[in-house]
Amino acid sequence: MMFLAIVVPVAVEALHVSSLAGEVAARKGAAARIADRVLNESLVTTNWTGGTQYGTVAEGPLDFNWTLTSQSWPQDSQQGTIMMLTAEVKFQAQGKDYSVTLSTLANAQSQQTQPGATTSLR
């Protein structure tokens, strides 16, 4: 009986943790797709030069809030020619807040993506 008193709570907690991990992983994948879409659309429409933008995307019953920012890339030797665009998508899983951030580089003069632009996922 003592064995069950120890094992049952541990097993229930393990199920809770694995459920949260699966839910976060699925939502992070969706958030990464949304961030990628936001970056691509802003590059194509060249609307990223207008300052910070934000919005909400609904995927099924879930809402994902995104923010698009642009700033000068610190390693740019000509200061202001290369811009770093960052899309952050926020979401919730089991009452906790999470976010995914994607970044890329763009040429402010020609408003085209630079070859070799980097994308990072956190």
C-alpha atoms as a PDB file:
ATOM      1  CA  MET A   1       0.000   0.000   0.000  1.00  0.00           C
ATOM      2  CA  MET A   2       2.860   2.348   0.804  1.00  0.00           C
ATOM      3  CA  PHE A   3       4.301   1.666  -2.643  1.00  0.00           C
ATOM      4  CA  LEU A   4       1.082   2.873  -4.335  1.00  0.00           C
ATOM      5  CA  ALA A   5       0.987   5.983  -2.130  1.00  0.00           C
ATOM      6  CA  ILE A   6       4.382   6.945  -3.561  1.00  0.00           C
ATOM      7  CA  VAL A   7       3.996   5.785  -7.165  1.00  0.00           C
ATOM      8  CA  VAL A   8       0.548   7.220  -8.003  1.00  0.00           C
ATOM      9  CA  PRO A   9       1.349  10.910  -7.309  1.00  0.00           C
ATOM     10  CA  VAL A  10       4.663  10.605  -9.148  1.00  0.00           C
ATOM     11  CA  ALA A  11       2.960   8.974 -12.153  1.00  0.00           C
ATOM     12  CA  VAL A  12       0.256  11.665 -12.243  1.00  0.00           C
ATOM     13  CA  GLU A  13       2.870  14.431 -12.151  1.00  0.00           C
ATOM     14  CA  ALA A  14       4.837  12.716 -14.933  1.00  0.00           C
ATOM     15  CA  LEU A  15       1.690  12.623 -17.081  1.00  0.00           C
ATOM     16  CA  HIS A  16       1.073  16.323 -16.406  1.00  0.00           C
ATOM     17  CA  VAL A  17       4.644  17.280 -17.365  1.00  0.00           C
ATOM     18  CA  SER A  18       4.581  15.184 -20.543  1.00  0.00           C
ATOM     19  CA  SER A  19       1.194  16.628 -21.512  1.00  0.00           C
ATOM     20  CA  LEU A  20       2.512  20.172 -21.084  1.00  0.00           C
ATOM     21  CA  ALA A  21       5.643  19.376 -23.086  1.00  0.00           C
ATOM     22  CA  GLY A  22       3.594  17.989 -25.965  1.00  0.00           C
ATOM     23  CA  GLU A  23       1.220  20.944 -25.955  1.00  0.00           C
ATOM     24  CA  VAL A  24       4.063  23.489 -25.874  1.00  0.00           C
ATOM     25  CA  ALA A  25       5.893  21.696 -28.697  1.00  0.00           C
ATOM     26  CA  ALA A  26       2.814  21.692 -30.928  1.00  0.00           C
ATOM     27  CA  ARG A  27       2.068  25.356 -30.243  1.00  0.00           C
ATOM     28  CA  LYS A  28       5.709  26.372 -30.747  1.00  0.00           C
ATOM     29  CA  GLY A  29       5.575  24.766 -34.179  1.00  0.00           C
ATOM     30  CA  ALA A  30       2.446  26.739 -35.038  1.00  0.00           C
ATOM     31  CA  ALA A  31       3.966  29.943 -33.611  1.00  0.00           C
ATOM     32  CA  ALA A  32       7.129  29.435 -35.695  1.00  0.00           C
ATOM     33  CA  ARG A  33       5.020  29.045 -38.865  1.00  0.00           C
ATOM     34  CA  ILE A  34       3.133  32.235 -38.012  1.00  0.00           C
ATOM     35  CA  ALA A  35       6.356  34.174 -37.320  1.00  0.00           C
ATOM     36  CA  ASP A  36       7.794  32.943 -40.627  1.00  0.00           C
ATOM     37  CA  ARG A  37       4.638  34.010 -42.454  1.00  0.00           C
ATOM     38  CA  VAL A  38       4.680  37.457 -40.804  1.00  0.00           C
ATOM     39  CA  LEU A  39       8.345  37.989 -41.782  1.00  0.00           C
ATOM     40  CA  ASN A  40       7.802  36.812 -45.359  1.00  0.00           C
ATOM     41  CA  GLU A  41       4.671  38.911 -45.879  1.00  0.00           C
ATOM     42  CA  SER A  42       6.334  42.021 -44.470  1.00  0.00           C
ATOM     43  CA  LEU A  43       9.368  41.554 -46.722  1.00  0.00           C
ATOM     44  CA  VAL A  44       7.230  41.058 -49.818  1.00  0.00           C
ATOM     45  CA  THR A  45       4.942  44.017 -49.095  1.00  0.00           C
ATOM     46  CA  THR A  46       7.845  46.137 -47.741  1.00  0.00           C
ATOM     47  CA  ASN A  47       5.643  47.336 -44.885  1.00  0.00           C
ATOM     48  CA  TRP A  48       8.346  46.670 -42.288  1.00  0.00           C
ATOM     49  CA  THR A  49       9.729  50.185 -42.667  1.00  0.00           C
ATOM     50  CA  GLY A  50       6.647  51.667 -40.986  1.00  0.00           C
ATOM     51  CA  GLY A  51       7.651  50.891 -37.406  1.00  0.00           C
ATOM     52  CA  THR A  52       6.359  48.294 -34.964  1.00  0.00           C
ATOM     53  CA  GLN A  53       3.368  46.272 -36.116  1.00  0.00           C
ATOM     54  CA  TYR A  54       1.243  43.762 -34.274  1.00  0.00           C
ATOM     55  CA  GLY A  55      -1.726  41.504 -34.747  1.00  0.00           C
ATOM     56  CA  THR A  56      -3.455  38.277 -33.796  1.00  0.00           C
ATOM     57  CA  VAL A  57      -3.732  35.076 -35.792  1.00  0.00           C
ATOM     58  CA  ALA A  58      -6.311  32.449 -34.872  1.00  0.00           C
ATOM     59  CA  GLU A  59      -5.540  28.826 -35.642  1.00  0.00           C
ATOM     60  CA  GLY A  60      -8.571  26.816 -34.665  1.00  0.00           C
ATOM     61  CA  PRO A  61      -9.476  27.711 -31.087  1.00  0.00           C
ATOM     62  CA  LEU A  62      -6.004  29.139 -30.375  1.00  0.00           C
ATOM     63  CA  ASP A  63      -4.944  32.785 -30.625  1.00  0.00           C
ATOM     64  CA  PHE A  64      -1.352  33.754 -31.384  1.00  0.00           C
ATOM     65  CA  ASN A  65      -0.330  37.394 -30.826  1.00  0.00           C
ATOM     66  CA  TRP A  66       2.535  38.618 -33.005  1.00  0.00           C
ATOM     67  CA  THR A  67       4.740  41.701 -33.012  1.00  0.00           C
ATOM     68  CA  LEU A  68       7.020  42.774 -35.867  1.00  0.00           C
ATOM     69  CA  THR A  69       9.870  45.177 -35.114  1.00  0.00           C
ATOM     70  CA  SER A  70      12.737  46.515 -37.177  1.00  0.00           C
ATOM     71  CA  GLN A  71      16.011  47.992 -35.975  1.00  0.00           C
ATOM     72  CA  SER A  72      19.421  48.756 -37.381  1.00  0.00           C
ATOM     73  CA  TRP A  73      21.661  45.715 -37.445  1.00  0.00           C
ATOM     74  CA  PRO A  74      24.507  46.393 -34.975  1.00  0.00           C
ATOM     75  CA  GLN A  75      27.179  44.804 -37.215  1.00  0.00           C
ATOM     76  CA  ASP A  76      26.282  47.050 -40.190  1.00  0.00           C
ATOM     77  CA  SER A  77      29.342  49.142 -41.029  1.00  0.00           C
ATOM     78  CA  GLN A  78      27.274  51.702 -42.965  1.00  0.00           C
ATOM     79  CA  GLN A  79      24.811  52.161 -40.094  1.00  0.00           C
ATOM     80  CA  GLY A  80      21.227  52.070 -41.274  1.00  0.00           C
ATOM     81  CA  THR A  81      21.689  50.140 -44.504  1.00  0.00           C
ATOM     82  CA  ILE A  82      20.960  46.686 -43.071  1.00  0.00           C
ATOM     83  CA  MET A  83      17.922  46.251 -40.860  1.00  0.00           C
ATOM     84  CA  MET A  84      17.115  43.336 -38.572  1.00  0.00           C
ATOM     85  CA  LEU A  85      13.446  42.353 -38.659  1.00  0.00           C
ATOM     86  CA  THR A  86      12.142  40.399 -35.691  1.00  0.00           C
ATOM     87  CA  ALA A  87       8.793  38.647 -35.431  1.00  0.00           C
ATOM     88  CA  GLU A  88       7.783  37.526 -31.942  1.00  0.00           C
ATOM     89  CA  VAL A  89       4.733  35.310 -31.529  1.00  0.00           C
ATOM     90  CA  LYS A  90       3.255  34.833 -28.050  1.00  0.00           C
ATOM     91  CA  PHE A  91       0.906  32.060 -26.960  1.00  0.00           C
ATOM     92  CA  GLN A  92      -0.324  30.253 -23.879  1.00  0.00           C
ATOM     93  CA  ALA A  93      -0.204  26.588 -22.916  1.00  0.00           C
ATOM     94  CA  GLN A  94      -1.933  25.389 -19.755  1.00  0.00           C
ATOM     95  CA  GLY A  95      -2.071  28.915 -18.371  1.00  0.00           C
ATOM     96  CA  LYS A  96       1.616  29.751 -18.915  1.00  0.00           C
ATOM     97  CA  ASP A  97       2.994  32.295 -21.393  1.00  0.00           C
ATOM     98  CA  TYR A  98       5.487  31.257 -24.089  1.00  0.00           C
ATOM     99  CA  SER A  99       6.946  32.941 -27.159  1.00  0.00           C
ATOM    100  CA  VAL A 100       8.828  32.185 -30.360  1.00  0.00           C
ATOM    101  CA  THR A 101      11.134  34.767 -31.983  1.00  0.00           C
ATOM    102  CA  LEU A 102      12.366  34.706 -35.580  1.00  0.00           C
ATOM    103  CA  SER A 103      14.734  37.294 -37.086  1.00  0.00           C
ATOM    104  CA  THR A 104      16.087  38.034 -40.535  1.00  0.00           C
ATOM    105  CA  LEU A 105      18.106  40.766 -42.243  1.00  0.00           C
ATOM    106  CA  ALA A 106      16.829  43.155 -44.897  1.00  0.00           C
ATOM    107  CA  ASN A 107      18.410  45.916 -46.963  1.00  0.00           C
ATOM    108  CA  ALA A 108      16.790  49.196 -46.029  1.00  0.00           C
ATOM    109  CA  GLN A 109      17.806  50.890 -49.289  1.00  0.00           C
ATOM    110  CA  SER A 110      16.510  48.308 -51.730  1.00  0.00           C
ATOM    111  CA  GLN A 111      14.064  46.708 -49.268  1.00  0.00           C
ATOM    112  CA  GLN A 112      15.137  43.187 -50.244  1.00  0.00           C
ATOM    113  CA  THR A 113      16.313  40.350 -48.079  1.00  0.00           C
ATOM    114  CA  GLN A 114      20.074  40.017 -47.938  1.00  0.00           C
ATOM    115  CA  PRO A 115      21.616  36.738 -49.113  1.00  0.00           C
ATOM    116  CA  GLY A 116      22.753  34.694 -46.161  1.00  0.00           C
ATOM    117  CA  ALA A 117      20.176  36.185 -43.811  1.00  0.00           C
ATOM    118  CA  THR A 118      19.938  34.310 -40.555  1.00  0.00           C
ATOM    119  CA  THR A 119      16.911  33.024 -38.781  1.00  0.00           C
ATOM    120  CA  SER A 120      16.947  32.058 -35.138  1.00  0.00           C
ATOM    121  CA  LEU A 121      14.380  30.190 -33.073  1.00  0.00           C
ATOM    122  CA  ARG A 122      14.215  30.551 -29.301  1.00  0.00           C
END
